[in-house]
Amino acid sequence: MATSPPRAARLPVPTGWEALSLGLLGVGLFAFSLPMTRLAVGSAQQPQLSPEFVALGRAAVAGVLAAMAGGVVFGFPLLTAMALRQVDAVHASLILALLPLFTAAMGAVLARQRPSLGFWACAVLGSALVMAYTLLHGAPGVPLHVHVADALLVGAMLAAALGYALGAHLTQSRPAGQVISWALVLSLPFTLPAAYWLRPVVAVQASAWGGFAYVAVVSMWLGFLAWYRALAVGGTVRISQLQLLQPFLSMLAAAALLHEPLDVITLLFASGVLGVVFLARRMPVHAARNPTPKRS
């Protein structure tokens, strides 16, 4: 009697405290990256360290520490540093709120998983909300204007999502510390001389050096030790959704450290985007079907 083909197995929701606690620790550490980078680069009116120096210098410092490239070493630091010279950290944190969905999508491809149709519907809806926000929050006096910094932030988001997914994939076979540490060490021949060449030639504020120290040691190295381990233990598709807490934490940090305002429009769109990410996390994720061997 013919039997029906087996159904794709549904992946269980990870319940381990290790993945949850490490994921929350990584997100909490990363949340301060945007306001600290803003402190380091300054504004267009009062520039401090150059974006190129901050991006390459943080990788060089983290690489030296990792010794006692990809999206997370070059793409995300450079693009966010350039964008934060033009926009504030509150604006940037909302644009990057879609990072969990993109990380989950790339993680699903690498892990050969099949998120449900509802998951992809949430991704499209979230993208629409973010695009609407960028149009409403363009240049002053020009409501329907997309800032160049928004394109840089989208590129940074894609670079980070790819770096997170690849890092989590590599962590399946080796310790998380080795993954990020080797990525930084192997980048040192480029980042170290470039950071020295781009070093500031005029005095900058102490707060700029403080922001640079944070993104170099914590955002570029220590945060990844916890984050990659959490993605490997709990699964990239689901654990990546813990990043939905990061925009709120970044906005609060920017308001406290940089005295940046939080307007009602930003809070409404942030709530909408985070609601979409919450909904996406509830959608089922299936393992890829194993190919049925053909009989001779």
C-alpha atoms as a PDB file:
ATOM      1  CA  MET A   1       0.000   0.000   0.000  1.00  0.00           C
ATOM      2  CA  ALA A   2       1.427   3.370  -0.994  1.00  0.00           C
ATOM      3  CA  THR A   3       2.339   5.671   1.824  1.00  0.00           C
ATOM      4  CA  SER A   4       2.163   9.441   1.789  1.00  0.00           C
ATOM      5  CA  PRO A   5       5.501  11.286   1.643  1.00  0.00           C
ATOM      6  CA  PRO A   6       6.828  12.377   5.024  1.00  0.00           C
ATOM      7  CA  ARG A   7       6.107  15.955   6.023  1.00  0.00           C
ATOM      8  CA  ALA A   8       8.890  18.410   6.600  1.00  0.00           C
ATOM      9  CA  ALA A   9       9.938  18.433  10.231  1.00  0.00           C
ATOM     10  CA  ARG A  10       9.104  21.583  12.151  1.00  0.00           C
ATOM     11  CA  LEU A  11      12.047  22.974  14.060  1.00  0.00           C
ATOM     12  CA  PRO A  12      11.477  23.187  17.800  1.00  0.00           C
ATOM     13  CA  VAL A  13      11.689  26.562  19.496  1.00  0.00           C
ATOM     14  CA  PRO A  14      14.958  26.608  21.483  1.00  0.00           C
ATOM     15  CA  THR A  15      14.350  26.879  25.203  1.00  0.00           C
ATOM     16  CA  GLY A  16      17.944  26.834  26.470  1.00  0.00           C
ATOM     17  CA  TRP A  17      18.822  29.672  28.806  1.00  0.00           C
ATOM     18  CA  GLU A  18      22.316  29.769  27.339  1.00  0.00           C
ATOM     19  CA  ALA A  19      21.152  30.913  23.894  1.00  0.00           C
ATOM     20  CA  LEU A  20      18.638  33.391  25.342  1.00  0.00           C
ATOM     21  CA  SER A  21      20.999  34.973  27.860  1.00  0.00           C
ATOM     22  CA  LEU A  22      23.934  35.176  25.441  1.00  0.00           C
ATOM     23  CA  GLY A  23      21.693  36.637  22.741  1.00  0.00           C
ATOM     24  CA  LEU A  24      20.350  39.307  25.078  1.00  0.00           C
ATOM     25  CA  LEU A  25      23.883  40.090  26.249  1.00  0.00           C
ATOM     26  CA  GLY A  26      25.089  40.529  22.673  1.00  0.00           C
ATOM     27  CA  VAL A  27      22.125  42.725  21.730  1.00  0.00           C
ATOM     28  CA  GLY A  28      22.614  44.854  24.843  1.00  0.00           C
ATOM     29  CA  LEU A  29      26.281  45.429  24.005  1.00  0.00           C
ATOM     30  CA  PHE A  30      25.559  46.198  20.347  1.00  0.00           C
ATOM     31  CA  ALA A  31      22.804  48.671  21.278  1.00  0.00           C
ATOM     32  CA  PHE A  32      25.377  51.256  22.366  1.00  0.00           C
ATOM     33  CA  SER A  33      27.287  51.021  19.050  1.00  0.00           C
ATOM     34  CA  LEU A  34      25.320  53.745  17.225  1.00  0.00           C
ATOM     35  CA  PRO A  35      25.428  56.440  19.945  1.00  0.00           C
ATOM     36  CA  MET A  36      29.094  55.637  20.666  1.00  0.00           C
ATOM     37  CA  THR A  37      29.937  55.888  16.958  1.00  0.00           C
ATOM     38  CA  ARG A  38      28.092  59.211  16.854  1.00  0.00           C
ATOM     39  CA  LEU A  39      30.252  60.424  19.740  1.00  0.00           C
ATOM     40  CA  ALA A  40      33.368  59.292  17.893  1.00  0.00           C
ATOM     41  CA  VAL A  41      32.623  60.885  14.487  1.00  0.00           C
ATOM     42  CA  GLY A  42      30.754  63.948  15.746  1.00  0.00           C
ATOM     43  CA  SER A  43      28.355  65.851  13.509  1.00  0.00           C
ATOM     44  CA  ALA A  44      28.693  67.732  10.237  1.00  0.00           C
ATOM     45  CA  GLN A  45      28.879  70.978  12.217  1.00  0.00           C
ATOM     46  CA  GLN A  46      31.378  69.654  14.799  1.00  0.00           C
ATOM     47  CA  PRO A  47      33.282  66.731  13.222  1.00  0.00           C
ATOM     48  CA  GLN A  48      35.581  64.688  15.445  1.00  0.00           C
ATOM     49  CA  LEU A  49      37.282  61.489  14.271  1.00  0.00           C
ATOM     50  CA  SER A  50      36.918  60.674  10.576  1.00  0.00           C
ATOM     51  CA  PRO A  51      34.455  57.876   9.678  1.00  0.00           C
ATOM     52  CA  GLU A  52      37.216  56.006   7.850  1.00  0.00           C
ATOM     53  CA  PHE A  53      39.495  56.112  10.898  1.00  0.00           C
ATOM     54  CA  VAL A  54      36.712  54.930  13.227  1.00  0.00           C
ATOM     55  CA  ALA A  55      35.751  52.036  10.936  1.00  0.00           C
ATOM     56  CA  LEU A  56      39.299  50.791  10.293  1.00  0.00           C
ATOM     57  CA  GLY A  57      40.689  51.774  13.667  1.00  0.00           C
ATOM     58  CA  ARG A  58      38.062  49.826  15.600  1.00  0.00           C
ATOM     59  CA  ALA A  59      38.825  46.719  13.545  1.00  0.00           C
ATOM     60  CA  ALA A  60      42.553  47.206  14.096  1.00  0.00           C
ATOM     61  CA  VAL A  61      42.184  47.606  17.871  1.00  0.00           C
ATOM     62  CA  ALA A  62      39.854  44.607  18.104  1.00  0.00           C
ATOM     63  CA  GLY A  63      42.236  42.592  15.923  1.00  0.00           C
ATOM     64  CA  VAL A  64      45.172  43.322  18.237  1.00  0.00           C
ATOM     65  CA  LEU A  65      43.087  42.265  21.251  1.00  0.00           C
ATOM     66  CA  ALA A  66      41.930  39.120  19.474  1.00  0.00           C
ATOM     67  CA  ALA A  67      45.522  38.146  18.728  1.00  0.00           C
ATOM     68  CA  MET A  68      46.705  37.791  22.751  1.00  0.00           C
ATOM     69  CA  ALA A  69      36.672  39.881   6.554  1.00  0.00           C
ATOM     70  CA  GLY A  70      33.724  40.355   5.578  1.00  0.00           C
ATOM     71  CA  GLY A  71      30.529  42.215   6.483  1.00  0.00           C
ATOM     72  CA  VAL A  72      31.117  42.723  10.198  1.00  0.00           C
ATOM     73  CA  VAL A  73      34.792  43.776   9.838  1.00  0.00           C
ATOM     74  CA  PHE A  74      34.521  46.296   6.996  1.00  0.00           C
ATOM     75  CA  GLY A  75      30.983  46.760   5.615  1.00  0.00           C
ATOM     76  CA  PHE A  76      28.901  47.521   8.705  1.00  0.00           C
ATOM     77  CA  PRO A  77      31.464  49.684  10.593  1.00  0.00           C
ATOM     78  CA  LEU A  78      32.384  51.788   7.550  1.00  0.00           C
ATOM     79  CA  LEU A  79      28.860  52.370   6.231  1.00  0.00           C
ATOM     80  CA  THR A  80      27.343  53.171   9.623  1.00  0.00           C
ATOM     81  CA  ALA A  81      30.199  55.542  10.501  1.00  0.00           C
ATOM     82  CA  MET A  82      29.721  57.431   7.218  1.00  0.00           C
ATOM     83  CA  ALA A  83      25.938  57.548   7.669  1.00  0.00           C
ATOM     84  CA  LEU A  84      26.102  58.746  11.280  1.00  0.00           C
ATOM     85  CA  ARG A  85      28.025  61.839  10.163  1.00  0.00           C
ATOM     86  CA  GLN A  86      24.806  62.887   8.376  1.00  0.00           C
ATOM     87  CA  VAL A  87      21.945  61.513  10.532  1.00  0.00           C
ATOM     88  CA  ASP A  88      21.444  61.011  14.239  1.00  0.00           C
ATOM     89  CA  ALA A  89      21.598  57.677  16.061  1.00  0.00           C
ATOM     90  CA  VAL A  90      17.824  57.575  16.633  1.00  0.00           C
ATOM     91  CA  HIS A  91      17.166  57.756  12.888  1.00  0.00           C
ATOM     92  CA  ALA A  92      19.811  55.105  12.173  1.00  0.00           C
ATOM     93  CA  SER A  93      18.551  52.725  14.839  1.00  0.00           C
ATOM     94  CA  LEU A  94      15.108  52.543  13.211  1.00  0.00           C
ATOM     95  CA  ILE A  95      16.519  51.910   9.728  1.00  0.00           C
ATOM     96  CA  LEU A  96      18.575  49.058  11.179  1.00  0.00           C
ATOM     97  CA  ALA A  97      15.493  47.613  12.906  1.00  0.00           C
ATOM     98  CA  LEU A  98      14.999  45.296   9.912  1.00  0.00           C
ATOM     99  CA  LEU A  99      18.348  43.620  10.564  1.00  0.00           C
ATOM    100  CA  PRO A 100      16.741  40.680  12.441  1.00  0.00           C
ATOM    101  CA  LEU A 101      14.570  39.751   9.460  1.00  0.00           C
ATOM    102  CA  PHE A 102      17.446  39.943   6.971  1.00  0.00           C
ATOM    103  CA  THR A 103      19.708  37.963   9.292  1.00  0.00           C
ATOM    104  CA  ALA A 104      17.043  35.298   9.656  1.00  0.00           C
ATOM    105  CA  ALA A 105      16.553  35.124   5.884  1.00  0.00           C
ATOM    106  CA  MET A 106      20.267  34.671   5.177  1.00  0.00           C
ATOM    107  CA  GLY A 107      20.565  32.222   8.045  1.00  0.00           C
ATOM    108  CA  ALA A 108      17.719  30.171   6.589  1.00  0.00           C
ATOM    109  CA  VAL A 109      19.527  29.945   3.255  1.00  0.00           C
ATOM    110  CA  LEU A 110      22.784  28.808   4.849  1.00  0.00           C
ATOM    111  CA  ALA A 111      21.042  26.330   7.183  1.00  0.00           C
ATOM    112  CA  ARG A 112      18.727  25.085   4.405  1.00  0.00           C
ATOM    113  CA  GLN A 113      15.599  25.953   6.375  1.00  0.00           C
ATOM    114  CA  ARG A 114      12.208  26.979   5.015  1.00  0.00           C
ATOM    115  CA  PRO A 115      10.532  29.855   6.888  1.00  0.00           C
ATOM    116  CA  SER A 116       6.806  29.960   6.273  1.00  0.00           C
ATOM    117  CA  LEU A 117       4.995  32.298   3.893  1.00  0.00           C
ATOM    118  CA  GLY A 118       3.920  34.355   6.892  1.00  0.00           C
ATOM    119  CA  PHE A 119       7.559  35.009   7.729  1.00  0.00           C
ATOM    120  CA  TRP A 120       8.249  36.467   4.276  1.00  0.00           C
ATOM    121  CA  ALA A 121       5.026  38.511   4.446  1.00  0.00           C
ATOM    122  CA  CYS A 122       6.331  40.100   7.634  1.00  0.00           C
ATOM    123  CA  ALA A 123       9.623  40.893   5.880  1.00  0.00           C
ATOM    124  CA  VAL A 124       7.810  42.729   3.061  1.00  0.00           C
ATOM    125  CA  LEU A 125       5.570  44.609   5.491  1.00  0.00           C
ATOM    126  CA  GLY A 126       8.529  45.655   7.622  1.00  0.00           C
ATOM    127  CA  SER A 127      10.410  46.910   4.572  1.00  0.00           C
ATOM    128  CA  ALA A 128       7.401  48.999   3.568  1.00  0.00           C
ATOM    129  CA  LEU A 129       7.225  50.578   7.027  1.00  0.00           C
ATOM    130  CA  VAL A 130      10.907  51.488   6.972  1.00  0.00           C
ATOM    131  CA  MET A 131      10.666  52.987   3.482  1.00  0.00           C
ATOM    132  CA  ALA A 132       7.682  55.092   4.603  1.00  0.00           C
ATOM    133  CA  TYR A 133       9.670  56.342   7.584  1.00  0.00           C
ATOM    134  CA  THR A 134      12.664  57.358   5.457  1.00  0.00           C
ATOM    135  CA  LEU A 135      10.376  59.326   3.110  1.00  0.00           C
ATOM    136  CA  LEU A 136       8.714  61.160   6.008  1.00  0.00           C
ATOM    137  CA  HIS A 137      12.023  61.875   7.757  1.00  0.00           C
ATOM    138  CA  GLY A 138      14.034  63.204   4.830  1.00  0.00           C
ATOM    139  CA  ALA A 139      15.772  66.542   4.625  1.00  0.00           C
ATOM    140  CA  PRO A 140      14.106  69.407   6.566  1.00  0.00           C
ATOM    141  CA  GLY A 141      11.432  71.088   4.453  1.00  0.00           C
ATOM    142  CA  VAL A 142      11.471  68.298   1.855  1.00  0.00           C
ATOM    143  CA  PRO A 143       9.195  65.545   3.215  1.00  0.00           C
ATOM    144  CA  LEU A 144       9.484  63.162   0.225  1.00  0.00           C
ATOM    145  CA  HIS A 145      13.242  62.914   0.121  1.00  0.00           C
ATOM    146  CA  VAL A 146      15.443  59.899   0.755  1.00  0.00           C
ATOM    147  CA  HIS A 147      18.722  60.835   2.421  1.00  0.00           C
ATOM    148  CA  VAL A 148      21.967  59.381   1.054  1.00  0.00           C
ATOM    149  CA  ALA A 149      22.726  58.184   4.577  1.00  0.00           C
ATOM    150  CA  ASP A 150      19.666  55.909   4.395  1.00  0.00           C
ATOM    151  CA  ALA A 151      21.232  54.033   1.483  1.00  0.00           C
ATOM    152  CA  LEU A 152      24.435  53.658   3.498  1.00  0.00           C
ATOM    153  CA  LEU A 153      22.455  52.285   6.432  1.00  0.00           C
ATOM    154  CA  VAL A 154      20.659  49.763   4.201  1.00  0.00           C
ATOM    155  CA  GLY A 155      24.025  48.616   2.868  1.00  0.00           C
ATOM    156  CA  ALA A 156      25.326  48.330   6.425  1.00  0.00           C
ATOM    157  CA  MET A 157      22.281  46.260   7.375  1.00  0.00           C
ATOM    158  CA  LEU A 158      22.840  43.818   4.505  1.00  0.00           C
ATOM    159  CA  ALA A 159      26.557  43.539   5.297  1.00  0.00           C
ATOM    160  CA  ALA A 160      25.833  42.835   8.959  1.00  0.00           C
ATOM    161  CA  ALA A 161      23.121  40.283   8.163  1.00  0.00           C
ATOM    162  CA  LEU A 162      25.503  38.384   5.886  1.00  0.00           C
ATOM    163  CA  GLY A 163      28.294  38.577   8.460  1.00  0.00           C
ATOM    164  CA  TYR A 164      26.033  37.360  11.276  1.00  0.00           C
ATOM    165  CA  ALA A 165      24.669  34.455   9.233  1.00  0.00           C
ATOM    166  CA  LEU A 166      28.112  33.365   8.030  1.00  0.00           C
ATOM    167  CA  GLY A 167      29.564  33.718  11.516  1.00  0.00           C
ATOM    168  CA  ALA A 168      26.793  31.613  13.033  1.00  0.00           C
ATOM    169  CA  HIS A 169      27.279  29.005  10.305  1.00  0.00           C
ATOM    170  CA  LEU A 170      31.012  28.789  11.036  1.00  0.00           C
ATOM    171  CA  THR A 171      30.363  28.634  14.790  1.00  0.00           C
ATOM    172  CA  GLN A 172      28.621  25.304  14.259  1.00  0.00           C
ATOM    173  CA  SER A 173      32.030  23.713  13.741  1.00  0.00           C
ATOM    174  CA  ARG A 174      34.376  25.887  15.822  1.00  0.00           C
ATOM    175  CA  PRO A 175      34.221  28.112  18.954  1.00  0.00           C
ATOM    176  CA  ALA A 176      32.623  31.537  18.562  1.00  0.00           C
ATOM    177  CA  GLY A 177      35.780  33.229  19.847  1.00  0.00           C
ATOM    178  CA  GLN A 178      37.844  31.730  17.046  1.00  0.00           C
ATOM    179  CA  VAL A 179      35.406  32.868  14.343  1.00  0.00           C
ATOM    180  CA  ILE A 180      35.416  36.592  15.131  1.00  0.00           C
ATOM    181  CA  SER A 181      39.026  36.613  16.363  1.00  0.00           C
ATOM    182  CA  TRP A 182      40.443  35.062  13.204  1.00  0.00           C
ATOM    183  CA  ALA A 183      38.345  37.383  11.034  1.00  0.00           C
ATOM    184  CA  LEU A 184      39.854  40.365  12.845  1.00  0.00           C
ATOM    185  CA  VAL A 185      43.412  39.035  12.953  1.00  0.00           C
ATOM    186  CA  LEU A 186      43.434  38.177   9.251  1.00  0.00           C
ATOM    187  CA  SER A 187      42.227  41.728   8.526  1.00  0.00           C
ATOM    188  CA  LEU A 188      45.057  43.366  10.491  1.00  0.00           C
ATOM    189  CA  PRO A 189      47.485  43.702   7.541  1.00  0.00           C
ATOM    190  CA  PHE A 190      44.964  46.108   6.020  1.00  0.00           C
ATOM    191  CA  THR A 191      43.185  47.676   9.003  1.00  0.00           C
ATOM    192  CA  LEU A 192      46.247  48.485  11.126  1.00  0.00           C
ATOM    193  CA  PRO A 193      48.266  50.523   8.567  1.00  0.00           C
ATOM    194  CA  ALA A 194      45.073  52.117   7.207  1.00  0.00           C
ATOM    195  CA  ALA A 195      44.003  53.203  10.700  1.00  0.00           C
ATOM    196  CA  TYR A 196      47.456  54.687  11.330  1.00  0.00           C
ATOM    197  CA  TRP A 197      47.352  56.571   8.041  1.00  0.00           C
ATOM    198  CA  LEU A 198      43.850  57.908   8.786  1.00  0.00           C
ATOM    199  CA  ARG A 199      44.624  58.875  12.397  1.00  0.00           C
ATOM    200  CA  PRO A 200      43.433  62.357  13.427  1.00  0.00           C
ATOM    201  CA  VAL A 201      45.962  65.155  12.988  1.00  0.00           C
ATOM    202  CA  VAL A 202      44.082  67.646  15.167  1.00  0.00           C
ATOM    203  CA  ALA A 203      42.858  67.351  18.732  1.00  0.00           C
ATOM    204  CA  VAL A 204      39.399  65.854  19.242  1.00  0.00           C
ATOM    205  CA  GLN A 205      37.179  65.699  22.302  1.00  0.00           C
ATOM    206  CA  ALA A 206      37.733  63.031  24.945  1.00  0.00           C
ATOM    207  CA  SER A 207      34.174  61.799  24.403  1.00  0.00           C
ATOM    208  CA  ALA A 208      35.086  60.981  20.795  1.00  0.00           C
ATOM    209  CA  TRP A 209      37.935  58.737  21.979  1.00  0.00           C
ATOM    210  CA  GLY A 210      35.582  57.178  24.530  1.00  0.00           C
ATOM    211  CA  GLY A 211      33.069  56.312  21.820  1.00  0.00           C
ATOM    212  CA  PHE A 212      35.858  54.933  19.652  1.00  0.00           C
ATOM    213  CA  ALA A 213      37.139  52.757  22.514  1.00  0.00           C
ATOM    214  CA  TYR A 214      33.681  51.266  23.049  1.00  0.00           C
ATOM    215  CA  VAL A 215      33.040  50.371  19.399  1.00  0.00           C
ATOM    216  CA  ALA A 216      36.580  48.971  19.076  1.00  0.00           C
ATOM    217  CA  VAL A 217      36.591  46.704  22.130  1.00  0.00           C
ATOM    218  CA  VAL A 218      32.917  45.928  22.805  1.00  0.00           C
ATOM    219  CA  SER A 219      31.032  46.377  19.515  1.00  0.00           C
ATOM    220  CA  MET A 220      33.775  44.889  17.368  1.00  0.00           C
ATOM    221  CA  TRP A 221      34.933  42.012  19.562  1.00  0.00           C
ATOM    222  CA  LEU A 222      33.362  41.231  22.954  1.00  0.00           C
ATOM    223  CA  GLY A 223      29.790  41.535  21.683  1.00  0.00           C
ATOM    224  CA  PHE A 224      30.451  39.000  18.927  1.00  0.00           C
ATOM    225  CA  LEU A 225      31.773  36.430  21.380  1.00  0.00           C
ATOM    226  CA  ALA A 226      28.319  36.242  22.972  1.00  0.00           C
ATOM    227  CA  TRP A 227      26.297  36.851  19.792  1.00  0.00           C
ATOM    228  CA  TYR A 228      27.850  34.176  17.568  1.00  0.00           C
ATOM    229  CA  ARG A 229      27.583  31.604  20.345  1.00  0.00           C
ATOM    230  CA  ALA A 230      23.899  32.453  20.852  1.00  0.00           C
ATOM    231  CA  LEU A 231      23.147  32.145  17.124  1.00  0.00           C
ATOM    232  CA  ALA A 232      24.889  28.766  16.980  1.00  0.00           C
ATOM    233  CA  VAL A 233      23.144  27.356  20.057  1.00  0.00           C
ATOM    234  CA  GLY A 234      19.635  28.701  19.456  1.00  0.00           C
ATOM    235  CA  GLY A 235      19.525  28.888  15.651  1.00  0.00           C
ATOM    236  CA  THR A 236      20.064  31.964  13.484  1.00  0.00           C
ATOM    237  CA  VAL A 237      16.455  32.262  12.278  1.00  0.00           C
ATOM    238  CA  ARG A 238      14.928  32.520  15.755  1.00  0.00           C
ATOM    239  CA  ILE A 239      17.709  34.000  17.923  1.00  0.00           C
ATOM    240  CA  SER A 240      18.300  36.781  15.401  1.00  0.00           C
ATOM    241  CA  GLN A 241      14.867  38.127  16.359  1.00  0.00           C
ATOM    242  CA  LEU A 242      16.241  39.136  19.761  1.00  0.00           C
ATOM    243  CA  GLN A 243      17.714  42.091  17.881  1.00  0.00           C
ATOM    244  CA  LEU A 244      14.234  43.590  17.883  1.00  0.00           C
ATOM    245  CA  LEU A 245      15.184  44.970  21.317  1.00  0.00           C
ATOM    246  CA  GLN A 246      18.212  46.787  19.891  1.00  0.00           C
ATOM    247  CA  PRO A 247      16.463  49.789  18.261  1.00  0.00           C
ATOM    248  CA  PHE A 248      14.694  50.676  21.513  1.00  0.00           C
ATOM    249  CA  LEU A 249      17.921  50.295  23.486  1.00  0.00           C
ATOM    250  CA  SER A 250      19.845  52.379  20.934  1.00  0.00           C
ATOM    251  CA  MET A 251      17.232  55.139  20.992  1.00  0.00           C
ATOM    252  CA  LEU A 252      17.270  55.235  24.787  1.00  0.00           C
ATOM    253  CA  ALA A 253      21.075  55.279  24.816  1.00  0.00           C
ATOM    254  CA  ALA A 254      21.156  58.086  22.223  1.00  0.00           C
ATOM    255  CA  ALA A 255      18.643  60.105  24.196  1.00  0.00           C
ATOM    256  CA  ALA A 256      20.628  59.648  27.420  1.00  0.00           C
ATOM    257  CA  LEU A 257      24.176  60.070  26.055  1.00  0.00           C
ATOM    258  CA  LEU A 258      23.644  62.437  23.111  1.00  0.00           C
ATOM    259  CA  HIS A 259      20.459  64.213  24.234  1.00  0.00           C
ATOM    260  CA  GLU A 260      18.812  63.347  20.918  1.00  0.00           C
ATOM    261  CA  PRO A 261      15.021  63.874  20.857  1.00  0.00           C
ATOM    262  CA  LEU A 262      12.488  61.085  20.435  1.00  0.00           C
ATOM    263  CA  ASP A 263       9.518  62.363  18.406  1.00  0.00           C
ATOM    264  CA  VAL A 264       6.121  60.697  18.220  1.00  0.00           C
ATOM    265  CA  ILE A 265       6.504  59.678  14.542  1.00  0.00           C
ATOM    266  CA  THR A 266       9.735  57.825  15.292  1.00  0.00           C
ATOM    267  CA  LEU A 267       8.179  55.994  18.232  1.00  0.00           C
ATOM    268  CA  LEU A 268       5.104  55.026  16.196  1.00  0.00           C
ATOM    269  CA  PHE A 269       7.134  53.653  13.315  1.00  0.00           C
ATOM    270  CA  ALA A 270       9.506  51.908  15.720  1.00  0.00           C
ATOM    271  CA  SER A 271       6.545  50.231  17.401  1.00  0.00           C
ATOM    272  CA  GLY A 272       5.169  49.155  14.017  1.00  0.00           C
ATOM    273  CA  VAL A 273       8.485  47.710  12.839  1.00  0.00           C
ATOM    274  CA  LEU A 274       9.081  45.908  16.116  1.00  0.00           C
ATOM    275  CA  GLY A 275       5.533  44.548  16.042  1.00  0.00           C
ATOM    276  CA  VAL A 276       6.247  43.074  12.605  1.00  0.00           C
ATOM    277  CA  VAL A 277       9.433  41.474  13.895  1.00  0.00           C
ATOM    278  CA  PHE A 278       7.566  40.034  16.895  1.00  0.00           C
ATOM    279  CA  LEU A 279       4.992  38.569  14.514  1.00  0.00           C
ATOM    280  CA  ALA A 280       7.693  37.124  12.265  1.00  0.00           C
ATOM    281  CA  ARG A 281       9.223  35.339  15.221  1.00  0.00           C
ATOM    282  CA  ARG A 282       5.918  33.506  15.772  1.00  0.00           C
ATOM    283  CA  MET A 283       5.846  32.148  12.237  1.00  0.00           C
ATOM    284  CA  PRO A 284       6.810  28.479  11.779  1.00  0.00           C
ATOM    285  CA  VAL A 285      10.212  27.495  10.429  1.00  0.00           C
ATOM    286  CA  HIS A 286      10.658  24.095   8.794  1.00  0.00           C
ATOM    287  CA  ALA A 287      13.741  22.047   8.076  1.00  0.00           C
ATOM    288  CA  ALA A 288      14.557  21.448   4.442  1.00  0.00           C
ATOM    289  CA  ARG A 289      13.272  18.179   3.008  1.00  0.00           C
ATOM    290  CA  ASN A 290      15.883  15.501   2.570  1.00  0.00           C
ATOM    291  CA  PRO A 291      15.988  14.299  -1.025  1.00  0.00           C
ATOM    292  CA  THR A 292      14.352  10.846  -1.441  1.00  0.00           C
ATOM    293  CA  PRO A 293      16.897   8.361  -2.824  1.00  0.00           C
ATOM    294  CA  LYS A 294      15.897   6.859  -6.167  1.00  0.00           C
ATOM    295  CA  ARG A 295      15.506   3.117  -6.450  1.00  0.00           C
ATOM    296  CA  SER A 296      17.528   1.339  -9.063  1.00  0.00           C
END
